[in-house]
Amino acid sequence: MSIRGRGVHDLIVQPKKIERVKGAKTVVDDGPPVLLRKCDVQSVREWATSEEDLAHGVTLLSLRRVFARHWVGDSNAFVYFDGSVYEIVGDPQRMDRSRRTSHWLITIRWLGVAEAPLIPPTP
């Protein structure tokens, strides 16, 4: 069993895909949301900072790292954790140097407070 497979957090991952219609790009759901158990979520920094741009003004920048034994989304997926929604920064990274310690490392950025989607029941 992976060392990283013993986390205490549960996440919901909503896979997304980009569709192009008449030159416009839209992001749509790519299947049902997936519950991932026993993940480890850690803050990248011990504090949150802010960033400023012309379009959105000052926004909170809060980054976290997710360590998970399995992963279902790509860089377009949304992650729901602890009453908030996060977007993935970069690509999910597969760390597979050994079978015992293999895991996924995903960096996520806080987007805001949001209610998690409902998980469909498994038959």
C-alpha atoms as a PDB file:
ATOM      1  CA  MET A   1       0.000   0.000   0.000  1.00  0.00           C
ATOM      2  CA  SER A   2       1.218   3.455  -0.843  1.00  0.00           C
ATOM      3  CA  ILE A   3       2.414   5.719   1.929  1.00  0.00           C
ATOM      4  CA  ARG A   4       0.257   8.440   0.356  1.00  0.00           C
ATOM      5  CA  GLY A   5      -2.822   6.185   0.279  1.00  0.00           C
ATOM      6  CA  ARG A   6      -3.629   6.762   3.947  1.00  0.00           C
ATOM      7  CA  GLY A   7      -4.886  10.344   3.842  1.00  0.00           C
ATOM      8  CA  VAL A   8      -7.786  11.570   5.923  1.00  0.00           C
ATOM      9  CA  HIS A   9      -9.542  13.735   3.328  1.00  0.00           C
ATOM     10  CA  ASP A  10     -12.319  12.920   0.879  1.00  0.00           C
ATOM     11  CA  LEU A  11     -12.628  14.935  -2.347  1.00  0.00           C
ATOM     12  CA  ILE A  12     -15.101  15.136  -5.176  1.00  0.00           C
ATOM     13  CA  VAL A  13     -13.593  15.492  -8.644  1.00  0.00           C
ATOM     14  CA  GLN A  14     -15.783  16.730 -11.506  1.00  0.00           C
ATOM     15  CA  PRO A  15     -14.089  15.840 -14.809  1.00  0.00           C
ATOM     16  CA  LYS A  16     -14.459  18.567 -17.448  1.00  0.00           C
ATOM     17  CA  LYS A  17     -13.730  18.851 -21.150  1.00  0.00           C
ATOM     18  CA  ILE A  18     -13.472  21.738 -23.587  1.00  0.00           C
ATOM     19  CA  GLU A  19     -15.954  21.863 -26.454  1.00  0.00           C
ATOM     20  CA  ARG A  20     -15.573  24.162 -29.417  1.00  0.00           C
ATOM     21  CA  VAL A  21     -18.765  25.406 -31.024  1.00  0.00           C
ATOM     22  CA  LYS A  22     -18.523  27.907 -33.870  1.00  0.00           C
ATOM     23  CA  GLY A  23     -15.123  29.125 -32.725  1.00  0.00           C
ATOM     24  CA  ALA A  24     -16.117  29.587 -29.073  1.00  0.00           C
ATOM     25  CA  LYS A  25     -14.697  27.386 -26.321  1.00  0.00           C
ATOM     26  CA  THR A  26     -16.906  26.225 -23.459  1.00  0.00           C
ATOM     27  CA  VAL A  27     -16.069  23.935 -20.558  1.00  0.00           C
ATOM     28  CA  VAL A  28     -18.654  21.214 -19.912  1.00  0.00           C
ATOM     29  CA  ASP A  29     -18.910  18.244 -17.571  1.00  0.00           C
ATOM     30  CA  ASP A  30     -17.238  15.075 -18.834  1.00  0.00           C
ATOM     31  CA  GLY A  31     -19.135  12.389 -16.960  1.00  0.00           C
ATOM     32  CA  PRO A  32     -20.448  12.170 -13.402  1.00  0.00           C
ATOM     33  CA  PRO A  33     -18.526  13.505 -10.380  1.00  0.00           C
ATOM     34  CA  VAL A  34     -16.255  10.986  -8.645  1.00  0.00           C
ATOM     35  CA  LEU A  35     -15.647  10.627  -4.901  1.00  0.00           C
ATOM     36  CA  LEU A  36     -11.997  10.005  -4.009  1.00  0.00           C
ATOM     37  CA  ARG A  37     -11.336   8.738  -0.505  1.00  0.00           C
ATOM     38  CA  LYS A  38      -8.153   8.713   1.584  1.00  0.00           C
ATOM     39  CA  CYS A  39      -6.474  11.678  -0.091  1.00  0.00           C
ATOM     40  CA  ASP A  40      -4.072  14.034   1.633  1.00  0.00           C
ATOM     41  CA  VAL A  41      -4.590  17.774   1.082  1.00  0.00           C
ATOM     42  CA  GLN A  42      -1.825  20.138   2.225  1.00  0.00           C
ATOM     43  CA  SER A  43      -1.328  23.879   1.932  1.00  0.00           C
ATOM     44  CA  VAL A  44       1.486  24.928  -0.365  1.00  0.00           C
ATOM     45  CA  ARG A  45       2.198  27.864   1.918  1.00  0.00           C
ATOM     46  CA  GLU A  46       1.308  28.484   5.502  1.00  0.00           C
ATOM     47  CA  TRP A  47      -0.527  31.641   4.498  1.00  0.00           C
ATOM     48  CA  ALA A  48      -2.698  32.852   1.650  1.00  0.00           C
ATOM     49  CA  THR A  49      -1.691  35.765  -0.507  1.00  0.00           C
ATOM     50  CA  SER A  50      -3.461  37.869  -3.115  1.00  0.00           C
ATOM     51  CA  GLU A  51      -2.810  38.691  -6.717  1.00  0.00           C
ATOM     52  CA  GLU A  52      -4.078  41.567  -8.812  1.00  0.00           C
ATOM     53  CA  ASP A  53      -4.930  41.794 -12.479  1.00  0.00           C
ATOM     54  CA  LEU A  54      -6.793  44.341 -14.558  1.00  0.00           C
ATOM     55  CA  ALA A  55      -9.802  42.124 -15.345  1.00  0.00           C
ATOM     56  CA  HIS A  56     -10.653  40.830 -11.858  1.00  0.00           C
ATOM     57  CA  GLY A  57      -8.964  43.203  -9.422  1.00  0.00           C
ATOM     58  CA  VAL A  58      -7.497  41.761  -6.236  1.00  0.00           C
ATOM     59  CA  THR A  59      -8.211  38.047  -5.790  1.00  0.00           C
ATOM     60  CA  LEU A  60      -7.174  35.592  -3.115  1.00  0.00           C
ATOM     61  CA  LEU A  61      -4.491  33.125  -4.115  1.00  0.00           C
ATOM     62  CA  SER A  62      -4.639  29.971  -2.035  1.00  0.00           C
ATOM     63  CA  LEU A  63      -2.794  26.936  -3.350  1.00  0.00           C
ATOM     64  CA  ARG A  64      -2.971  23.377  -2.028  1.00  0.00           C
ATOM     65  CA  ARG A  65      -1.412  20.070  -2.996  1.00  0.00           C
ATOM     66  CA  VAL A  66      -3.403  16.865  -3.239  1.00  0.00           C
ATOM     67  CA  PHE A  67      -1.695  13.518  -2.775  1.00  0.00           C
ATOM     68  CA  ALA A  68      -3.894  10.667  -4.000  1.00  0.00           C
ATOM     69  CA  ARG A  69      -3.404   7.009  -4.787  1.00  0.00           C
ATOM     70  CA  HIS A  70      -5.774   7.219  -7.789  1.00  0.00           C
ATOM     71  CA  TRP A  71      -6.849  10.162  -9.965  1.00  0.00           C
ATOM     72  CA  VAL A  72      -9.673  10.577 -12.471  1.00  0.00           C
ATOM     73  CA  GLY A  73      -9.464  14.105 -13.875  1.00  0.00           C
ATOM     74  CA  ASP A  74      -7.129  16.070 -16.093  1.00  0.00           C
ATOM     75  CA  SER A  75      -6.085  19.719 -15.984  1.00  0.00           C
ATOM     76  CA  ASN A  76      -9.657  20.857 -16.777  1.00  0.00           C
ATOM     77  CA  ALA A  77     -11.324  19.129 -13.800  1.00  0.00           C
ATOM     78  CA  PHE A  78     -12.765  20.890 -10.741  1.00  0.00           C
ATOM     79  CA  VAL A  79     -12.062  19.647  -7.220  1.00  0.00           C
ATOM     80  CA  TYR A  80     -14.587  20.113  -4.408  1.00  0.00           C
ATOM     81  CA  PHE A  81     -13.107  20.003  -0.926  1.00  0.00           C
ATOM     82  CA  ASP A  82     -14.182  21.371   2.438  1.00  0.00           C
ATOM     83  CA  GLY A  83     -17.060  23.480   1.071  1.00  0.00           C
ATOM     84  CA  SER A  84     -15.010  25.129  -1.678  1.00  0.00           C
ATOM     85  CA  VAL A  85     -14.247  24.568  -5.339  1.00  0.00           C
ATOM     86  CA  TYR A  86     -10.713  24.442  -6.713  1.00  0.00           C
ATOM     87  CA  GLU A  87      -9.227  24.387 -10.195  1.00  0.00           C
ATOM     88  CA  ILE A  88      -6.201  22.335 -11.143  1.00  0.00           C
ATOM     89  CA  VAL A  89      -2.964  24.228 -11.799  1.00  0.00           C
ATOM     90  CA  GLY A  90      -0.868  22.460 -14.437  1.00  0.00           C
ATOM     91  CA  ASP A  91      -1.184  18.770 -15.160  1.00  0.00           C
ATOM     92  CA  PRO A  92      -1.691  16.057 -12.534  1.00  0.00           C
ATOM     93  CA  GLN A  93       1.681  14.409 -11.957  1.00  0.00           C
ATOM     94  CA  ARG A  94       2.123  10.650 -11.582  1.00  0.00           C
ATOM     95  CA  MET A  95       4.859   9.707  -9.104  1.00  0.00           C
ATOM     96  CA  ASP A  96       5.612   6.040  -9.706  1.00  0.00           C
ATOM     97  CA  ARG A  97       9.191   5.366  -8.708  1.00  0.00           C
ATOM     98  CA  SER A  98       8.131   2.321  -6.707  1.00  0.00           C
ATOM     99  CA  ARG A  99       4.889   0.402  -6.336  1.00  0.00           C
ATOM    100  CA  ARG A 100       4.733   1.028  -2.596  1.00  0.00           C
ATOM    101  CA  THR A 101       5.053   4.802  -2.830  1.00  0.00           C
ATOM    102  CA  SER A 102       3.324   5.502  -6.146  1.00  0.00           C
ATOM    103  CA  HIS A 103       0.811   8.356  -6.010  1.00  0.00           C
ATOM    104  CA  TRP A 104      -0.575  11.354  -7.886  1.00  0.00           C
ATOM    105  CA  LEU A 105       0.428  14.920  -7.019  1.00  0.00           C
ATOM    106  CA  ILE A 106      -2.042  17.631  -8.025  1.00  0.00           C
ATOM    107  CA  THR A 107      -1.747  21.357  -7.317  1.00  0.00           C
ATOM    108  CA  ILE A 108      -5.093  23.102  -6.921  1.00  0.00           C
ATOM    109  CA  ARG A 109      -6.080  26.775  -6.622  1.00  0.00           C
ATOM    110  CA  TRP A 110      -9.084  28.061  -4.662  1.00  0.00           C
ATOM    111  CA  LEU A 111     -11.871  29.568  -6.781  1.00  0.00           C
ATOM    112  CA  GLY A 112     -14.512  30.209  -4.145  1.00  0.00           C
ATOM    113  CA  VAL A 113     -17.154  28.733  -1.917  1.00  0.00           C
ATOM    114  CA  ALA A 114     -19.375  26.245  -3.720  1.00  0.00           C
ATOM    115  CA  GLU A 115     -21.640  23.349  -2.989  1.00  0.00           C
ATOM    116  CA  ALA A 116     -20.294  19.999  -4.167  1.00  0.00           C
ATOM    117  CA  PRO A 117     -22.212  18.120  -6.851  1.00  0.00           C
ATOM    118  CA  LEU A 118     -24.171  15.027  -5.890  1.00  0.00           C
ATOM    119  CA  ILE A 119     -22.436  11.709  -6.368  1.00  0.00           C
ATOM    120  CA  PRO A 120     -24.589   9.245  -8.301  1.00  0.00           C
ATOM    121  CA  PRO A 121     -25.183   5.978  -6.389  1.00  0.00           C
ATOM    122  CA  THR A 122     -23.194   2.968  -7.535  1.00  0.00           C
ATOM    123  CA  PRO A 123     -25.218  -0.132  -8.383  1.00  0.00           C
END
